[in-house]
Amino acid sequence: MQTSLKAAVLPIDRLRKVLPSSLAIFASLAVLLSAGSASAQDAKLTLSPALIVTGATDRLAIESDGKFDLSKVTAAQITITPDHDVRSIKVVDSAPKQVAIALDLSTNAQLGKRTVSIKLGDKVGKAELDIIQGASLVVEVPGAKSANKAVTTTINVASRAGVDLSKVKASDVKLTPADFAVVEIVNQTADSLTLGLKVPAANKNAIGSLKIGGDINLAADFSLAGPHAAKACGKLQQCCTGDAAKCTSCVPLDQVCRKPGS
């Protein structure tokens, strides 16, 4: 019994001697882990301008606080979150403390704040970007009914950010697919108009686009298709029925969702 007591006492005595050094080791490890975490913490980026409008931005400068070298950054290392309405990101030029990008957003992109991130190795730099509405066209399919027998479908077109549609002529409108034709423009005001189209039967469910040239020089994508099997909506699309992962009506961002029964 005495032997077992000694056996029990000895480890306790040793533990009392070892404990301070163990605590020191644990403290050192904590410092090292903290340092490692700090090295991978977000670096601060500065954007100029920090507020942009929807559509294309020719130059957005991203400046580093000096924690990493931006001179060899590629477009693949730059992300904007959320990104479902980002058409493209291109690096225009770069230097150790700054990289400039050309950013193309949908003209009907989500408004509000985004996070711009650059990832280099285990370091990530972040900045906040604010997006407001720029000039754009938004479409509704089908549009107002037409009495013209040559019209097979209609599209309502509305403007945003003060674009004047009151003087648009049929010759100003270019459509794809190429076999779509503008038959008439009706219900025309400064803010909206209705296009009466002739669409071949083979393209009755097509995805198309329209561009109004001249001083307006804006485009919008649209879909003539009806409901479809449940699926996840793709890039530059929004869900009108269901949720984004199991949607039965995905339409382009430029197209408004029709209300049930309309």
C-alpha atoms as a PDB file:
ATOM      1  CA  MET A   1       0.000   0.000   0.000  1.00  0.00           C
ATOM      2  CA  GLN A   2       2.837   2.377   0.848  1.00  0.00           C
ATOM      3  CA  THR A   3       4.444   1.635  -2.479  1.00  0.00           C
ATOM      4  CA  SER A   4       1.259   2.536  -4.328  1.00  0.00           C
ATOM      5  CA  LEU A   5       0.944   5.744  -2.298  1.00  0.00           C
ATOM      6  CA  LYS A   6       4.480   6.724  -3.216  1.00  0.00           C
ATOM      7  CA  ALA A   7       3.716   5.878  -6.810  1.00  0.00           C
ATOM      8  CA  ALA A   8       0.741   8.181  -6.609  1.00  0.00           C
ATOM      9  CA  VAL A   9       2.610  10.965  -4.815  1.00  0.00           C
ATOM     10  CA  LEU A  10       5.626  11.046  -7.119  1.00  0.00           C
ATOM     11  CA  PRO A  11       3.709  11.951 -10.301  1.00  0.00           C
ATOM     12  CA  ILE A  12       1.933  14.730  -8.374  1.00  0.00           C
ATOM     13  CA  ASP A  13       5.275  16.135  -7.180  1.00  0.00           C
ATOM     14  CA  ARG A  14       6.647  15.944 -10.679  1.00  0.00           C
ATOM     15  CA  LEU A  15       3.504  17.537 -12.064  1.00  0.00           C
ATOM     16  CA  ARG A  16       3.959  20.486  -9.713  1.00  0.00           C
ATOM     17  CA  LYS A  17       7.472  20.957 -11.028  1.00  0.00           C
ATOM     18  CA  VAL A  18       6.525  20.444 -14.683  1.00  0.00           C
ATOM     19  CA  LEU A  19       3.299  22.495 -14.679  1.00  0.00           C
ATOM     20  CA  PRO A  20       4.910  25.966 -14.847  1.00  0.00           C
ATOM     21  CA  SER A  21       7.042  24.981 -17.835  1.00  0.00           C
ATOM     22  CA  SER A  22       4.017  23.340 -19.516  1.00  0.00           C
ATOM     23  CA  LEU A  23       2.010  26.510 -19.057  1.00  0.00           C
ATOM     24  CA  ALA A  24       4.859  28.448 -20.596  1.00  0.00           C
ATOM     25  CA  ILE A  25       4.840  26.090 -23.588  1.00  0.00           C
ATOM     26  CA  PHE A  26       1.082  26.454 -23.973  1.00  0.00           C
ATOM     27  CA  ALA A  27       1.423  30.222 -23.771  1.00  0.00           C
ATOM     28  CA  SER A  28       4.105  30.166 -26.446  1.00  0.00           C
ATOM     29  CA  LEU A  29       1.947  28.021 -28.693  1.00  0.00           C
ATOM     30  CA  ALA A  30      -0.949  30.431 -28.205  1.00  0.00           C
ATOM     31  CA  VAL A  31       1.278  33.345 -29.219  1.00  0.00           C
ATOM     32  CA  LEU A  32       2.486  31.469 -32.291  1.00  0.00           C
ATOM     33  CA  LEU A  33      -1.051  30.530 -33.308  1.00  0.00           C
ATOM     34  CA  SER A  34      -2.168  34.088 -32.759  1.00  0.00           C
ATOM     35  CA  ALA A  35       0.705  35.387 -34.871  1.00  0.00           C
ATOM     36  CA  GLY A  36      -0.125  32.896 -37.601  1.00  0.00           C
ATOM     37  CA  SER A  37      -3.739  33.966 -37.502  1.00  0.00           C
ATOM     38  CA  ALA A  38      -2.750  37.626 -37.626  1.00  0.00           C
ATOM     39  CA  SER A  39      -0.563  37.036 -40.674  1.00  0.00           C
ATOM     40  CA  ALA A  40      -3.594  35.598 -42.487  1.00  0.00           C
ATOM     41  CA  GLN A  41      -5.996  38.285 -41.314  1.00  0.00           C
ATOM     42  CA  ASP A  42      -7.682  40.543 -43.825  1.00  0.00           C
ATOM     43  CA  ALA A  43      -5.547  43.366 -45.118  1.00  0.00           C
ATOM     44  CA  LYS A  44      -7.219  46.696 -45.733  1.00  0.00           C
ATOM     45  CA  LEU A  45      -7.883  47.793 -49.301  1.00  0.00           C
ATOM     46  CA  THR A  46      -9.044  51.220 -50.468  1.00  0.00           C
ATOM     47  CA  LEU A  47     -11.229  51.715 -53.543  1.00  0.00           C
ATOM     48  CA  SER A  48     -11.343  54.736 -55.794  1.00  0.00           C
ATOM     49  CA  PRO A  49     -14.132  55.413 -56.504  1.00  0.00           C
ATOM     50  CA  ALA A  50     -15.854  53.569 -53.664  1.00  0.00           C
ATOM     51  CA  LEU A  51     -19.289  54.249 -55.162  1.00  0.00           C
ATOM     52  CA  ILE A  52     -20.192  53.272 -58.733  1.00  0.00           C
ATOM     53  CA  VAL A  53     -23.328  52.966 -60.854  1.00  0.00           C
ATOM     54  CA  THR A  54     -24.633  49.785 -62.421  1.00  0.00           C
ATOM     55  CA  GLY A  55     -23.261  48.913 -65.846  1.00  0.00           C
ATOM     56  CA  ALA A  56     -19.657  49.243 -66.969  1.00  0.00           C
ATOM     57  CA  THR A  57     -16.952  51.010 -64.945  1.00  0.00           C
ATOM     58  CA  ASP A  58     -13.839  51.637 -67.039  1.00  0.00           C
ATOM     59  CA  ARG A  59     -11.475  52.030 -64.103  1.00  0.00           C
ATOM     60  CA  LEU A  60     -11.755  51.081 -60.448  1.00  0.00           C
ATOM     61  CA  ALA A  61      -8.503  51.532 -58.518  1.00  0.00           C
ATOM     62  CA  ILE A  62      -7.774  49.138 -55.643  1.00  0.00           C
ATOM     63  CA  GLU A  63      -4.987  50.306 -53.311  1.00  0.00           C
ATOM     64  CA  SER A  64      -3.243  48.130 -50.719  1.00  0.00           C
ATOM     65  CA  ASP A  65      -2.217  49.206 -47.226  1.00  0.00           C
ATOM     66  CA  GLY A  66       1.211  47.772 -48.054  1.00  0.00           C
ATOM     67  CA  LYS A  67       0.717  44.311 -46.560  1.00  0.00           C
ATOM     68  CA  PHE A  68       1.092  42.566 -49.913  1.00  0.00           C
ATOM     69  CA  ASP A  69       2.292  43.182 -53.445  1.00  0.00           C
ATOM     70  CA  LEU A  70      -0.442  43.836 -56.015  1.00  0.00           C
ATOM     71  CA  SER A  71       1.885  44.067 -59.015  1.00  0.00           C
ATOM     72  CA  LYS A  72       1.122  40.542 -60.276  1.00  0.00           C
ATOM     73  CA  VAL A  73      -2.537  40.223 -59.329  1.00  0.00           C
ATOM     74  CA  THR A  74      -4.744  38.508 -61.924  1.00  0.00           C
ATOM     75  CA  ALA A  75      -8.465  38.883 -62.498  1.00  0.00           C
ATOM     76  CA  ALA A  76      -8.958  35.353 -61.129  1.00  0.00           C
ATOM     77  CA  GLN A  77      -7.670  36.522 -57.720  1.00  0.00           C
ATOM     78  CA  ILE A  78     -10.220  39.330 -57.500  1.00  0.00           C
ATOM     79  CA  THR A  79     -13.742  38.563 -56.369  1.00  0.00           C
ATOM     80  CA  ILE A  80     -16.839  40.632 -55.768  1.00  0.00           C
ATOM     81  CA  THR A  81     -19.444  39.239 -53.406  1.00  0.00           C
ATOM     82  CA  PRO A  82     -22.208  38.637 -54.327  1.00  0.00           C
ATOM     83  CA  ASP A  83     -21.180  38.015 -57.942  1.00  0.00           C
ATOM     84  CA  HIS A  84     -24.278  36.688 -59.749  1.00  0.00           C
ATOM     85  CA  ASP A  85     -24.679  39.956 -61.672  1.00  0.00           C
ATOM     86  CA  VAL A  86     -20.982  40.575 -62.430  1.00  0.00           C
ATOM     87  CA  ARG A  87     -20.379  40.212 -66.168  1.00  0.00           C
ATOM     88  CA  SER A  88     -16.604  40.513 -66.107  1.00  0.00           C
ATOM     89  CA  ILE A  89     -13.518  41.753 -64.249  1.00  0.00           C
ATOM     90  CA  LYS A  90     -10.395  42.747 -66.180  1.00  0.00           C
ATOM     91  CA  VAL A  91      -7.054  43.990 -64.852  1.00  0.00           C
ATOM     92  CA  VAL A  92      -6.169  47.268 -66.581  1.00  0.00           C
ATOM     93  CA  ASP A  93      -2.787  47.915 -64.927  1.00  0.00           C
ATOM     94  CA  SER A  94      -0.993  47.101 -61.698  1.00  0.00           C
ATOM     95  CA  ALA A  95       1.822  48.246 -59.400  1.00  0.00           C
ATOM     96  CA  PRO A  96       3.097  47.031 -56.003  1.00  0.00           C
ATOM     97  CA  LYS A  97       0.528  49.029 -54.034  1.00  0.00           C
ATOM     98  CA  GLN A  98      -2.272  49.403 -56.560  1.00  0.00           C
ATOM     99  CA  VAL A  99      -4.191  47.478 -59.198  1.00  0.00           C
ATOM    100  CA  ALA A 100      -6.796  48.979 -61.521  1.00  0.00           C
ATOM    101  CA  ILE A 101      -9.669  46.945 -62.927  1.00  0.00           C
ATOM    102  CA  ALA A 102     -12.429  47.406 -65.485  1.00  0.00           C
ATOM    103  CA  LEU A 103     -15.650  46.121 -63.943  1.00  0.00           C
ATOM    104  CA  ASP A 104     -18.776  45.235 -65.906  1.00  0.00           C
ATOM    105  CA  LEU A 105     -21.977  44.787 -63.902  1.00  0.00           C
ATOM    106  CA  SER A 106     -25.428  44.125 -65.230  1.00  0.00           C
ATOM    107  CA  THR A 107     -27.220  47.444 -65.756  1.00  0.00           C
ATOM    108  CA  ASN A 108     -29.881  46.043 -63.432  1.00  0.00           C
ATOM    109  CA  ALA A 109     -27.427  44.694 -60.873  1.00  0.00           C
ATOM    110  CA  GLN A 110     -28.336  44.424 -57.203  1.00  0.00           C
ATOM    111  CA  LEU A 111     -27.947  47.783 -55.483  1.00  0.00           C
ATOM    112  CA  GLY A 112     -26.188  48.349 -52.190  1.00  0.00           C
ATOM    113  CA  LYS A 113     -22.899  47.267 -50.673  1.00  0.00           C
ATOM    114  CA  ARG A 114     -20.526  44.583 -51.997  1.00  0.00           C
ATOM    115  CA  THR A 115     -17.250  43.169 -50.774  1.00  0.00           C
ATOM    116  CA  VAL A 116     -14.247  43.372 -53.096  1.00  0.00           C
ATOM    117  CA  SER A 117     -11.564  40.808 -52.163  1.00  0.00           C
ATOM    118  CA  ILE A 118      -8.067  40.024 -53.389  1.00  0.00           C
ATOM    119  CA  LYS A 119      -6.492  36.742 -52.303  1.00  0.00           C
ATOM    120  CA  LEU A 120      -2.715  36.306 -52.421  1.00  0.00           C
ATOM    121  CA  GLY A 121      -1.490  33.089 -50.811  1.00  0.00           C
ATOM    122  CA  ASP A 122      -2.880  32.987 -47.269  1.00  0.00           C
ATOM    123  CA  LYS A 123      -3.589  36.716 -47.203  1.00  0.00           C
ATOM    124  CA  VAL A 124      -6.854  38.343 -48.174  1.00  0.00           C
ATOM    125  CA  GLY A 125      -7.458  42.040 -48.675  1.00  0.00           C
ATOM    126  CA  LYS A 126     -10.988  43.417 -48.561  1.00  0.00           C
ATOM    127  CA  ALA A 127     -12.834  46.647 -49.243  1.00  0.00           C
ATOM    128  CA  GLU A 128     -16.448  47.757 -49.405  1.00  0.00           C
ATOM    129  CA  LEU A 129     -17.991  48.913 -52.697  1.00  0.00           C
ATOM    130  CA  ASP A 130     -21.311  50.750 -52.927  1.00  0.00           C
ATOM    131  CA  ILE A 131     -23.480  50.359 -56.042  1.00  0.00           C
ATOM    132  CA  ILE A 132     -26.303  52.673 -57.096  1.00  0.00           C
ATOM    133  CA  GLN A 133     -28.670  52.538 -60.066  1.00  0.00           C
ATOM    134  CA  GLY A 134     -27.355  53.772 -63.397  1.00  0.00           C
ATOM    135  CA  ALA A 135     -29.092  54.187 -66.751  1.00  0.00           C
ATOM    136  CA  SER A 136     -30.777  50.947 -67.781  1.00  0.00           C
ATOM    137  CA  LEU A 137     -33.676  49.287 -69.521  1.00  0.00           C
ATOM    138  CA  VAL A 138     -35.962  46.778 -67.849  1.00  0.00           C
ATOM    139  CA  VAL A 139     -38.353  44.543 -69.791  1.00  0.00           C
ATOM    140  CA  GLU A 140     -41.566  42.651 -69.127  1.00  0.00           C
ATOM    141  CA  VAL A 141     -42.616  39.625 -71.190  1.00  0.00           C
ATOM    142  CA  PRO A 142     -45.233  39.383 -72.494  1.00  0.00           C
ATOM    143  CA  GLY A 143     -46.096  43.043 -72.732  1.00  0.00           C
ATOM    144  CA  ALA A 144     -49.402  44.805 -73.341  1.00  0.00           C
ATOM    145  CA  LYS A 145     -51.722  43.066 -75.798  1.00  0.00           C
ATOM    146  CA  SER A 146     -51.714  44.213 -79.410  1.00  0.00           C
ATOM    147  CA  ALA A 147     -54.580  44.284 -81.925  1.00  0.00           C
ATOM    148  CA  ASN A 148     -52.081  44.118 -84.821  1.00  0.00           C
ATOM    149  CA  LYS A 149     -52.375  40.677 -86.447  1.00  0.00           C
ATOM    150  CA  ALA A 150     -48.752  40.820 -87.580  1.00  0.00           C
ATOM    151  CA  VAL A 151     -47.590  40.923 -83.950  1.00  0.00           C
ATOM    152  CA  THR A 152     -46.896  37.513 -82.395  1.00  0.00           C
ATOM    153  CA  THR A 153     -45.570  38.718 -79.032  1.00  0.00           C
ATOM    154  CA  THR A 154     -45.016  41.966 -77.169  1.00  0.00           C
ATOM    155  CA  ILE A 155     -42.410  43.315 -74.764  1.00  0.00           C
ATOM    156  CA  ASN A 156     -42.887  46.213 -72.367  1.00  0.00           C
ATOM    157  CA  VAL A 157     -39.719  48.295 -72.032  1.00  0.00           C
ATOM    158  CA  ALA A 158     -39.205  50.751 -69.161  1.00  0.00           C
ATOM    159  CA  SER A 159     -36.287  53.039 -68.392  1.00  0.00           C
ATOM    160  CA  ARG A 160     -34.385  53.701 -65.181  1.00  0.00           C
ATOM    161  CA  ALA A 161     -32.305  56.677 -64.041  1.00  0.00           C
ATOM    162  CA  GLY A 162     -34.036  59.197 -66.279  1.00  0.00           C
ATOM    163  CA  VAL A 163     -33.547  57.632 -69.721  1.00  0.00           C
ATOM    164  CA  ASP A 164     -36.048  59.206 -72.176  1.00  0.00           C
ATOM    165  CA  LEU A 165     -37.785  56.689 -74.460  1.00  0.00           C
ATOM    166  CA  SER A 166     -40.285  59.127 -75.996  1.00  0.00           C
ATOM    167  CA  LYS A 167     -38.426  59.533 -79.293  1.00  0.00           C
ATOM    168  CA  VAL A 168     -37.358  55.949 -79.921  1.00  0.00           C
ATOM    169  CA  LYS A 169     -38.179  54.712 -83.441  1.00  0.00           C
ATOM    170  CA  ALA A 170     -38.455  51.127 -84.698  1.00  0.00           C
ATOM    171  CA  SER A 171     -35.227  51.644 -86.653  1.00  0.00           C
ATOM    172  CA  ASP A 172     -33.397  52.424 -83.394  1.00  0.00           C
ATOM    173  CA  VAL A 173     -34.145  48.953 -81.990  1.00  0.00           C
ATOM    174  CA  LYS A 174     -31.893  46.019 -82.809  1.00  0.00           C
ATOM    175  CA  LEU A 175     -32.958  42.514 -81.798  1.00  0.00           C
ATOM    176  CA  THR A 176     -31.358  39.114 -81.453  1.00  0.00           C
ATOM    177  CA  PRO A 177     -32.024  36.496 -82.690  1.00  0.00           C
ATOM    178  CA  ALA A 178     -31.743  38.219 -86.047  1.00  0.00           C
ATOM    179  CA  ASP A 179     -35.076  36.847 -87.299  1.00  0.00           C
ATOM    180  CA  PHE A 180     -36.984  38.830 -84.636  1.00  0.00           C
ATOM    181  CA  ALA A 181     -38.584  41.953 -86.146  1.00  0.00           C
ATOM    182  CA  VAL A 182     -40.142  45.097 -84.657  1.00  0.00           C
ATOM    183  CA  VAL A 183     -43.634  45.535 -86.113  1.00  0.00           C
ATOM    184  CA  GLU A 184     -44.773  48.482 -84.008  1.00  0.00           C
ATOM    185  CA  ILE A 185     -44.029  50.726 -81.035  1.00  0.00           C
ATOM    186  CA  VAL A 186     -47.099  51.691 -78.967  1.00  0.00           C
ATOM    187  CA  ASN A 187     -47.940  53.084 -75.524  1.00  0.00           C
ATOM    188  CA  GLN A 188     -44.853  55.285 -75.845  1.00  0.00           C
ATOM    189  CA  THR A 189     -43.917  57.795 -73.129  1.00  0.00           C
ATOM    190  CA  ALA A 190     -40.670  59.174 -71.752  1.00  0.00           C
ATOM    191  CA  ASP A 191     -40.534  56.320 -69.237  1.00  0.00           C
ATOM    192  CA  SER A 192     -41.787  53.312 -71.200  1.00  0.00           C
ATOM    193  CA  LEU A 193     -42.998  51.801 -74.455  1.00  0.00           C
ATOM    194  CA  THR A 194     -44.335  48.533 -75.827  1.00  0.00           C
ATOM    195  CA  LEU A 195     -42.621  46.705 -78.677  1.00  0.00           C
ATOM    196  CA  GLY A 196     -44.829  44.606 -80.932  1.00  0.00           C
ATOM    197  CA  LEU A 197     -42.652  41.828 -82.361  1.00  0.00           C
ATOM    198  CA  LYS A 198     -42.917  39.236 -85.076  1.00  0.00           C
ATOM    199  CA  VAL A 199     -41.218  36.079 -83.801  1.00  0.00           C
ATOM    200  CA  PRO A 200     -40.918  32.853 -85.831  1.00  0.00           C
ATOM    201  CA  ALA A 201     -42.699  29.895 -84.252  1.00  0.00           C
ATOM    202  CA  ALA A 202     -39.382  28.052 -83.966  1.00  0.00           C
ATOM    203  CA  ASN A 203     -38.133  30.797 -81.595  1.00  0.00           C
ATOM    204  CA  LYS A 204     -41.234  31.207 -79.457  1.00  0.00           C
ATOM    205  CA  ASN A 205     -39.257  30.153 -76.347  1.00  0.00           C
ATOM    206  CA  ALA A 206     -36.013  31.890 -77.272  1.00  0.00           C
ATOM    207  CA  ILE A 207     -33.700  33.922 -75.095  1.00  0.00           C
ATOM    208  CA  GLY A 208     -33.019  37.206 -76.843  1.00  0.00           C
ATOM    209  CA  SER A 209     -31.756  40.726 -76.414  1.00  0.00           C
ATOM    210  CA  LEU A 210     -32.729  44.174 -77.563  1.00  0.00           C
ATOM    211  CA  LYS A 211     -30.563  47.233 -77.986  1.00  0.00           C
ATOM    212  CA  ILE A 212     -31.784  50.785 -78.401  1.00  0.00           C
ATOM    213  CA  GLY A 213     -29.119  52.789 -80.188  1.00  0.00           C
ATOM    214  CA  GLY A 214     -28.603  56.477 -80.776  1.00  0.00           C
ATOM    215  CA  ASP A 215     -28.274  58.675 -77.706  1.00  0.00           C
ATOM    216  CA  ILE A 216     -29.708  55.943 -75.469  1.00  0.00           C
ATOM    217  CA  ASN A 217     -27.295  53.131 -76.377  1.00  0.00           C
ATOM    218  CA  LEU A 218     -28.626  50.616 -73.849  1.00  0.00           C
ATOM    219  CA  ALA A 219     -29.401  46.912 -74.073  1.00  0.00           C
ATOM    220  CA  ALA A 220     -31.500  44.380 -72.176  1.00  0.00           C
ATOM    221  CA  ASP A 221     -31.807  40.598 -72.220  1.00  0.00           C
ATOM    222  CA  PHE A 222     -35.162  38.811 -72.187  1.00  0.00           C
ATOM    223  CA  SER A 223     -36.659  35.329 -72.292  1.00  0.00           C
ATOM    224  CA  LEU A 224     -39.836  34.296 -74.075  1.00  0.00           C
ATOM    225  CA  ALA A 225     -39.868  30.890 -72.395  1.00  0.00           C
ATOM    226  CA  GLY A 226     -42.540  29.879 -69.913  1.00  0.00           C
ATOM    227  CA  PRO A 227     -42.071  27.839 -66.714  1.00  0.00           C
ATOM    228  CA  HIS A 228     -39.472  25.061 -66.782  1.00  0.00           C
ATOM    229  CA  ALA A 229     -38.341  22.113 -64.682  1.00  0.00           C
ATOM    230  CA  ALA A 230     -36.891  23.057 -61.306  1.00  0.00           C
ATOM    231  CA  LYS A 231     -33.236  24.038 -61.518  1.00  0.00           C
ATOM    232  CA  ALA A 232     -30.702  26.461 -60.114  1.00  0.00           C
ATOM    233  CA  CYS A 233     -30.752  29.811 -61.900  1.00  0.00           C
ATOM    234  CA  GLY A 234     -27.551  30.694 -63.718  1.00  0.00           C
ATOM    235  CA  LYS A 235     -25.348  33.762 -63.680  1.00  0.00           C
ATOM    236  CA  LEU A 236     -27.071  37.002 -64.715  1.00  0.00           C
ATOM    237  CA  GLN A 237     -30.464  35.423 -63.956  1.00  0.00           C
ATOM    238  CA  GLN A 238     -33.063  35.829 -61.248  1.00  0.00           C
ATOM    239  CA  CYS A 239     -35.716  33.442 -59.965  1.00  0.00           C
ATOM    240  CA  CYS A 240     -39.377  34.387 -60.357  1.00  0.00           C
ATOM    241  CA  THR A 241     -40.953  31.180 -58.987  1.00  0.00           C
ATOM    242  CA  GLY A 242     -39.573  29.097 -56.135  1.00  0.00           C
ATOM    243  CA  ASP A 243     -36.086  29.634 -54.755  1.00  0.00           C
ATOM    244  CA  ALA A 244     -32.807  30.139 -56.593  1.00  0.00           C
ATOM    245  CA  ALA A 245     -31.717  26.510 -56.102  1.00  0.00           C
ATOM    246  CA  LYS A 246     -35.008  24.950 -57.263  1.00  0.00           C
ATOM    247  CA  CYS A 247     -36.531  27.573 -59.506  1.00  0.00           C
ATOM    248  CA  THR A 248     -39.209  26.918 -62.113  1.00  0.00           C
ATOM    249  CA  SER A 249     -38.939  30.320 -63.777  1.00  0.00           C
ATOM    250  CA  CYS A 250     -35.443  31.754 -64.302  1.00  0.00           C
ATOM    251  CA  VAL A 251     -35.327  34.998 -66.283  1.00  0.00           C
ATOM    252  CA  PRO A 252     -32.556  37.491 -67.142  1.00  0.00           C
ATOM    253  CA  LEU A 253     -31.815  40.200 -64.573  1.00  0.00           C
ATOM    254  CA  ASP A 254     -33.114  42.782 -67.063  1.00  0.00           C
ATOM    255  CA  GLN A 255     -36.546  41.142 -67.045  1.00  0.00           C
ATOM    256  CA  VAL A 256     -39.054  41.802 -64.288  1.00  0.00           C
ATOM    257  CA  CYS A 257     -41.036  38.926 -62.820  1.00  0.00           C
ATOM    258  CA  ARG A 258     -44.695  38.924 -63.763  1.00  0.00           C
ATOM    259  CA  LYS A 259     -47.200  38.853 -60.955  1.00  0.00           C
ATOM    260  CA  PRO A 260     -49.356  35.704 -60.703  1.00  0.00           C
ATOM    261  CA  GLY A 261     -52.418  36.004 -62.930  1.00  0.00           C
ATOM    262  CA  SER A 262     -51.047  38.946 -64.934  1.00  0.00           C
END
